[in-house]
């Protein structure tokens, strides 16, 4: 069965501000490769609209190979967007969900194929509350942000996690890979 993998960048103090991190060649390459290991990525409206930036690099490449390669990877993966206000995705590889997050996840998990990625803070929180996250990949950048949205803000359920591996980048960022555990 497919796994639901929640993957997100954050600062050392837990903020999910995409402008606060240190995206470099190594991190772009990591996430480009990661996208090729999944069948789909799920976004909320706000994160989806931020990710649309990468469409501009498809039309006008930056000349920085890792960024341009990531733009190709993010373009190629199917995207499902959860939004009450968007009427059109304006991206050929994206569609707006007509089902609830829970229904979508349960349906996708039953299909054959590769894993399901979740890349939005709001969706990650909802899926943790529903106990539908199989793996959490937190890329923590060595930055303390002044302000921003906390990843686990408004999460009112206790979730125990088991560290299954780590990955360290040259710039000091680290990915912590966790598997939720069930208390016995």
C-alpha atoms as a PDB file:
ATOM      1  CA  UNK A   1       0.000   0.000   0.000  1.00  0.00           C
ATOM      2  CA  UNK A   2       1.190   3.526  -0.754  1.00  0.00           C
ATOM      3  CA  UNK A   3       2.598   5.649   2.031  1.00  0.00           C
ATOM      4  CA  UNK A   4       1.507   9.191   2.808  1.00  0.00           C
ATOM      5  CA  UNK A   5       4.691  11.201   3.238  1.00  0.00           C
ATOM      6  CA  UNK A   6       4.455  14.702   4.672  1.00  0.00           C
ATOM      7  CA  UNK A   7       7.545  16.652   3.572  1.00  0.00           C
ATOM      8  CA  UNK A   8       8.124  20.270   4.480  1.00  0.00           C
ATOM      9  CA  UNK A   9      10.847  22.871   4.998  1.00  0.00           C
ATOM     10  CA  UNK A  10      10.979  24.807   8.232  1.00  0.00           C
ATOM     11  CA  UNK A  11      13.231  26.951  10.356  1.00  0.00           C
ATOM     12  CA  UNK A  12      14.884  25.829  13.559  1.00  0.00           C
ATOM     13  CA  UNK A  13      12.110  27.504  15.547  1.00  0.00           C
ATOM     14  CA  UNK A  14       9.343  25.724  13.622  1.00  0.00           C
ATOM     15  CA  UNK A  15       8.278  28.360  11.092  1.00  0.00           C
ATOM     16  CA  UNK A  16       7.151  27.250   7.654  1.00  0.00           C
ATOM     17  CA  UNK A  17       8.103  30.419   5.814  1.00  0.00           C
ATOM     18  CA  UNK A  18       9.457  29.471   2.387  1.00  0.00           C
ATOM     19  CA  UNK A  19      11.502  32.677   2.284  1.00  0.00           C
ATOM     20  CA  UNK A  20      13.356  31.916   5.536  1.00  0.00           C
ATOM     21  CA  UNK A  21      15.102  28.719   4.471  1.00  0.00           C
ATOM     22  CA  UNK A  22      18.390  28.281   2.643  1.00  0.00           C
ATOM     23  CA  UNK A  23      17.506  26.536  -0.615  1.00  0.00           C
ATOM     24  CA  UNK A  24      20.744  25.720  -2.369  1.00  0.00           C
ATOM     25  CA  UNK A  25      21.810  23.356  -5.126  1.00  0.00           C
ATOM     26  CA  UNK A  26      21.986  20.331  -2.836  1.00  0.00           C
ATOM     27  CA  UNK A  27      18.502  20.895  -1.404  1.00  0.00           C
ATOM     28  CA  UNK A  28      16.968  21.589  -4.821  1.00  0.00           C
ATOM     29  CA  UNK A  29      18.523  18.366  -6.134  1.00  0.00           C
ATOM     30  CA  UNK A  30      17.242  16.406  -3.136  1.00  0.00           C
ATOM     31  CA  UNK A  31      13.669  17.561  -3.644  1.00  0.00           C
ATOM     32  CA  UNK A  32      13.777  17.113  -7.425  1.00  0.00           C
ATOM     33  CA  UNK A  33      14.865  13.506  -6.925  1.00  0.00           C
ATOM     34  CA  UNK A  34      12.255  13.021  -4.215  1.00  0.00           C
ATOM     35  CA  UNK A  35       9.439  14.170  -6.489  1.00  0.00           C
ATOM     36  CA  UNK A  36      10.280  11.406  -8.961  1.00  0.00           C
ATOM     37  CA  UNK A  37       9.607   8.803  -6.237  1.00  0.00           C
ATOM     38  CA  UNK A  38       5.939   9.751  -5.862  1.00  0.00           C
ATOM     39  CA  UNK A  39       2.772   9.515  -7.906  1.00  0.00           C
ATOM     40  CA  UNK A  40       1.209  12.738  -6.657  1.00  0.00           C
ATOM     41  CA  UNK A  41       1.706  15.701  -4.337  1.00  0.00           C
ATOM     42  CA  UNK A  42      -1.100  17.364  -2.412  1.00  0.00           C
ATOM     43  CA  UNK A  43      -1.221  21.086  -1.705  1.00  0.00           C
ATOM     44  CA  UNK A  44      -3.501  23.550  -0.016  1.00  0.00           C
ATOM     45  CA  UNK A  45      -4.267  26.720  -1.964  1.00  0.00           C
ATOM     46  CA  UNK A  46      -1.653  28.966  -0.373  1.00  0.00           C
ATOM     47  CA  UNK A  47       1.289  26.583  -0.832  1.00  0.00           C
ATOM     48  CA  UNK A  48       0.089  25.674  -4.302  1.00  0.00           C
ATOM     49  CA  UNK A  49       0.061  29.316  -5.355  1.00  0.00           C
ATOM     50  CA  UNK A  50       3.589  29.737  -3.955  1.00  0.00           C
ATOM     51  CA  UNK A  51       4.746  26.687  -5.921  1.00  0.00           C
ATOM     52  CA  UNK A  52       3.422  28.185  -9.158  1.00  0.00           C
ATOM     53  CA  UNK A  53       6.616  30.262  -9.146  1.00  0.00           C
ATOM     54  CA  UNK A  54       8.342  27.227 -10.675  1.00  0.00           C
ATOM     55  CA  UNK A  55       6.220  27.525 -13.821  1.00  0.00           C
ATOM     56  CA  UNK A  56       8.079  30.742 -14.652  1.00  0.00           C
ATOM     57  CA  UNK A  57      11.377  28.822 -14.748  1.00  0.00           C
ATOM     58  CA  UNK A  58       9.932  26.384 -17.264  1.00  0.00           C
ATOM     59  CA  UNK A  59       9.213  29.268 -19.613  1.00  0.00           C
ATOM     60  CA  UNK A  60      12.361  31.252 -18.741  1.00  0.00           C
ATOM     61  CA  UNK A  61      15.035  29.003 -17.208  1.00  0.00           C
ATOM     62  CA  UNK A  62      17.192  30.653 -14.576  1.00  0.00           C
ATOM     63  CA  UNK A  63      20.428  29.152 -15.837  1.00  0.00           C
ATOM     64  CA  UNK A  64      20.984  27.587 -12.405  1.00  0.00           C
ATOM     65  CA  UNK A  65      20.796  23.865 -13.172  1.00  0.00           C
ATOM     66  CA  UNK A  66      19.425  22.713  -9.812  1.00  0.00           C
ATOM     67  CA  UNK A  67      16.596  25.252  -9.894  1.00  0.00           C
ATOM     68  CA  UNK A  68      15.741  24.506 -13.507  1.00  0.00           C
ATOM     69  CA  UNK A  69      15.807  20.744 -12.821  1.00  0.00           C
ATOM     70  CA  UNK A  70      13.512  21.219  -9.829  1.00  0.00           C
ATOM     71  CA  UNK A  71      11.126  23.223 -12.025  1.00  0.00           C
ATOM     72  CA  UNK A  72      10.948  20.266 -14.436  1.00  0.00           C
ATOM     73  CA  UNK A  73      10.384  17.806 -11.566  1.00  0.00           C
ATOM     74  CA  UNK A  74       7.628  19.855  -9.917  1.00  0.00           C
ATOM     75  CA  UNK A  75       5.968  20.370 -13.290  1.00  0.00           C
ATOM     76  CA  UNK A  76       5.930  16.653 -14.071  1.00  0.00           C
ATOM     77  CA  UNK A  77       4.364  15.378 -10.846  1.00  0.00           C
ATOM     78  CA  UNK A  78       0.558  15.388 -10.713  1.00  0.00           C
ATOM     79  CA  UNK A  79      -0.741  17.833  -8.121  1.00  0.00           C
ATOM     80  CA  UNK A  80      -4.045  17.786  -6.259  1.00  0.00           C
ATOM     81  CA  UNK A  81      -5.053  21.122  -4.775  1.00  0.00           C
ATOM     82  CA  UNK A  82      -7.508  21.531  -1.917  1.00  0.00           C
ATOM     83  CA  UNK A  83      -9.205  24.897  -2.183  1.00  0.00           C
ATOM     84  CA  UNK A  84     -12.624  26.399  -1.689  1.00  0.00           C
ATOM     85  CA  UNK A  85     -11.785  29.543  -3.671  1.00  0.00           C
ATOM     86  CA  UNK A  86      -9.695  28.455  -6.682  1.00  0.00           C
ATOM     87  CA  UNK A  87     -11.689  27.781  -9.810  1.00  0.00           C
ATOM     88  CA  UNK A  88      -8.759  26.900 -12.081  1.00  0.00           C
ATOM     89  CA  UNK A  89      -5.242  25.678 -11.352  1.00  0.00           C
ATOM     90  CA  UNK A  90      -3.618  27.239 -14.438  1.00  0.00           C
ATOM     91  CA  UNK A  91      -1.143  24.332 -14.442  1.00  0.00           C
ATOM     92  CA  UNK A  92      -1.653  21.322 -16.685  1.00  0.00           C
ATOM     93  CA  UNK A  93      -0.357  18.852 -14.083  1.00  0.00           C
ATOM     94  CA  UNK A  94      -2.659  20.150 -11.321  1.00  0.00           C
ATOM     95  CA  UNK A  95      -6.311  19.661 -10.542  1.00  0.00           C
ATOM     96  CA  UNK A  96      -8.606  20.883  -7.813  1.00  0.00           C
ATOM     97  CA  UNK A  97      -9.952  18.123  -5.600  1.00  0.00           C
ATOM     98  CA  UNK A  98     -13.686  17.603  -5.561  1.00  0.00           C
ATOM     99  CA  UNK A  99     -13.467  15.342  -2.491  1.00  0.00           C
ATOM    100  CA  UNK A 100     -12.444  15.791   1.102  1.00  0.00           C
ATOM    101  CA  UNK A 101      -8.793  15.378   2.068  1.00  0.00           C
ATOM    102  CA  UNK A 102      -9.584  12.167   3.951  1.00  0.00           C
ATOM    103  CA  UNK A 103     -11.555  10.668   1.031  1.00  0.00           C
ATOM    104  CA  UNK A 104      -8.793  11.576  -1.398  1.00  0.00           C
ATOM    105  CA  UNK A 105      -6.044  10.042   0.734  1.00  0.00           C
ATOM    106  CA  UNK A 106      -7.966   6.829   1.392  1.00  0.00           C
ATOM    107  CA  UNK A 107      -8.738   6.459  -2.311  1.00  0.00           C
ATOM    108  CA  UNK A 108      -5.139   7.161  -3.396  1.00  0.00           C
ATOM    109  CA  UNK A 109      -3.705   4.724  -0.835  1.00  0.00           C
ATOM    110  CA  UNK A 110      -5.699   1.872  -2.376  1.00  0.00           C
ATOM    111  CA  UNK A 111      -4.312   2.460  -5.862  1.00  0.00           C
ATOM    112  CA  UNK A 112      -1.137   0.734  -7.041  1.00  0.00           C
ATOM    113  CA  UNK A 113       1.949   2.837  -7.618  1.00  0.00           C
ATOM    114  CA  UNK A 114       4.322   5.131  -5.803  1.00  0.00           C
ATOM    115  CA  UNK A 115       3.873   7.164  -2.626  1.00  0.00           C
ATOM    116  CA  UNK A 116       1.730  10.218  -1.946  1.00  0.00           C
ATOM    117  CA  UNK A 117       3.459  13.423  -0.888  1.00  0.00           C
ATOM    118  CA  UNK A 118       1.863  16.201   1.105  1.00  0.00           C
ATOM    119  CA  UNK A 119       3.610  19.558   0.914  1.00  0.00           C
ATOM    120  CA  UNK A 120       1.337  22.009   2.723  1.00  0.00           C
ATOM    121  CA  UNK A 121       1.412  22.894   6.381  1.00  0.00           C
ATOM    122  CA  UNK A 122      -2.382  22.976   6.704  1.00  0.00           C
ATOM    123  CA  UNK A 123      -2.825  19.578   5.050  1.00  0.00           C
ATOM    124  CA  UNK A 124      -0.092  18.019   7.183  1.00  0.00           C
ATOM    125  CA  UNK A 125      -1.841  19.181  10.361  1.00  0.00           C
ATOM    126  CA  UNK A 126      -5.193  17.830   9.132  1.00  0.00           C
ATOM    127  CA  UNK A 127      -3.684  14.474   8.196  1.00  0.00           C
ATOM    128  CA  UNK A 128      -1.916  14.124  11.544  1.00  0.00           C
ATOM    129  CA  UNK A 129      -5.257  14.731  13.254  1.00  0.00           C
ATOM    130  CA  UNK A 130      -6.765  11.988  11.039  1.00  0.00           C
ATOM    131  CA  UNK A 131      -3.826   9.646  11.772  1.00  0.00           C
ATOM    132  CA  UNK A 132      -3.136   9.340   8.032  1.00  0.00           C
ATOM    133  CA  UNK A 133       0.566  10.304   7.881  1.00  0.00           C
ATOM    134  CA  UNK A 134       2.889   7.335   7.409  1.00  0.00           C
ATOM    135  CA  UNK A 135       6.120   9.350   7.388  1.00  0.00           C
ATOM    136  CA  UNK A 136       7.078  12.893   8.297  1.00  0.00           C
ATOM    137  CA  UNK A 137      10.134  14.448   6.625  1.00  0.00           C
ATOM    138  CA  UNK A 138      11.091  17.709   8.314  1.00  0.00           C
ATOM    139  CA  UNK A 139      13.843  19.653   6.541  1.00  0.00           C
ATOM    140  CA  UNK A 140      15.079  21.998   9.252  1.00  0.00           C
ATOM    141  CA  UNK A 141      17.128  24.931   8.008  1.00  0.00           C
ATOM    142  CA  UNK A 142      19.727  26.479  10.338  1.00  0.00           C
ATOM    143  CA  UNK A 143      17.761  29.698  10.627  1.00  0.00           C
ATOM    144  CA  UNK A 144      15.739  31.233  13.431  1.00  0.00           C
ATOM    145  CA  UNK A 145      12.969  33.205  11.767  1.00  0.00           C
ATOM    146  CA  UNK A 146      11.540  36.390  13.199  1.00  0.00           C
ATOM    147  CA  UNK A 147       7.968  35.346  12.510  1.00  0.00           C
ATOM    148  CA  UNK A 148       5.888  32.967  10.470  1.00  0.00           C
ATOM    149  CA  UNK A 149       3.404  30.153  10.656  1.00  0.00           C
ATOM    150  CA  UNK A 150       4.340  27.399  13.079  1.00  0.00           C
ATOM    151  CA  UNK A 151       4.152  23.945  11.527  1.00  0.00           C
ATOM    152  CA  UNK A 152       2.186  22.354  14.348  1.00  0.00           C
ATOM    153  CA  UNK A 153       0.160  25.393  15.348  1.00  0.00           C
ATOM    154  CA  UNK A 154      -3.404  24.425  16.290  1.00  0.00           C
ATOM    155  CA  UNK A 155      -2.513  20.753  16.516  1.00  0.00           C
ATOM    156  CA  UNK A 156      -4.377  19.554  19.581  1.00  0.00           C
ATOM    157  CA  UNK A 157      -3.549  15.846  19.399  1.00  0.00           C
ATOM    158  CA  UNK A 158      -0.499  14.116  20.778  1.00  0.00           C
ATOM    159  CA  UNK A 159       1.471  12.190  18.186  1.00  0.00           C
ATOM    160  CA  UNK A 160       4.490  10.122  19.154  1.00  0.00           C
ATOM    161  CA  UNK A 161       7.178   9.812  16.511  1.00  0.00           C
ATOM    162  CA  UNK A 162      10.061   7.425  15.976  1.00  0.00           C
ATOM    163  CA  UNK A 163      13.172   8.789  14.256  1.00  0.00           C
ATOM    164  CA  UNK A 164      13.961   6.423  11.376  1.00  0.00           C
ATOM    165  CA  UNK A 165      16.835   8.276   9.694  1.00  0.00           C
ATOM    166  CA  UNK A 166      18.469  11.646   9.127  1.00  0.00           C
ATOM    167  CA  UNK A 167      20.108  13.433   6.233  1.00  0.00           C
ATOM    168  CA  UNK A 168      22.487  16.360   6.656  1.00  0.00           C
ATOM    169  CA  UNK A 169      23.244  18.940   3.979  1.00  0.00           C
ATOM    170  CA  UNK A 170      26.464  20.907   3.594  1.00  0.00           C
ATOM    171  CA  UNK A 171      24.670  24.182   4.390  1.00  0.00           C
ATOM    172  CA  UNK A 172      23.696  22.853   7.844  1.00  0.00           C
ATOM    173  CA  UNK A 173      20.101  21.921   7.012  1.00  0.00           C
ATOM    174  CA  UNK A 174      19.000  18.509   8.216  1.00  0.00           C
ATOM    175  CA  UNK A 175      16.087  16.282   7.315  1.00  0.00           C
ATOM    176  CA  UNK A 176      14.590  14.322  10.179  1.00  0.00           C
ATOM    177  CA  UNK A 177      12.578  11.329   8.983  1.00  0.00           C
ATOM    178  CA  UNK A 178       9.926  10.230  11.456  1.00  0.00           C
ATOM    179  CA  UNK A 179       7.337   7.496  11.539  1.00  0.00           C
ATOM    180  CA  UNK A 180       4.278   8.076  13.755  1.00  0.00           C
ATOM    181  CA  UNK A 181       3.973   5.408  16.431  1.00  0.00           C
ATOM    182  CA  UNK A 182       0.956   4.128  18.254  1.00  0.00           C
ATOM    183  CA  UNK A 183       1.127   4.174  22.036  1.00  0.00           C
ATOM    184  CA  UNK A 184       0.652   0.807  23.700  1.00  0.00           C
END
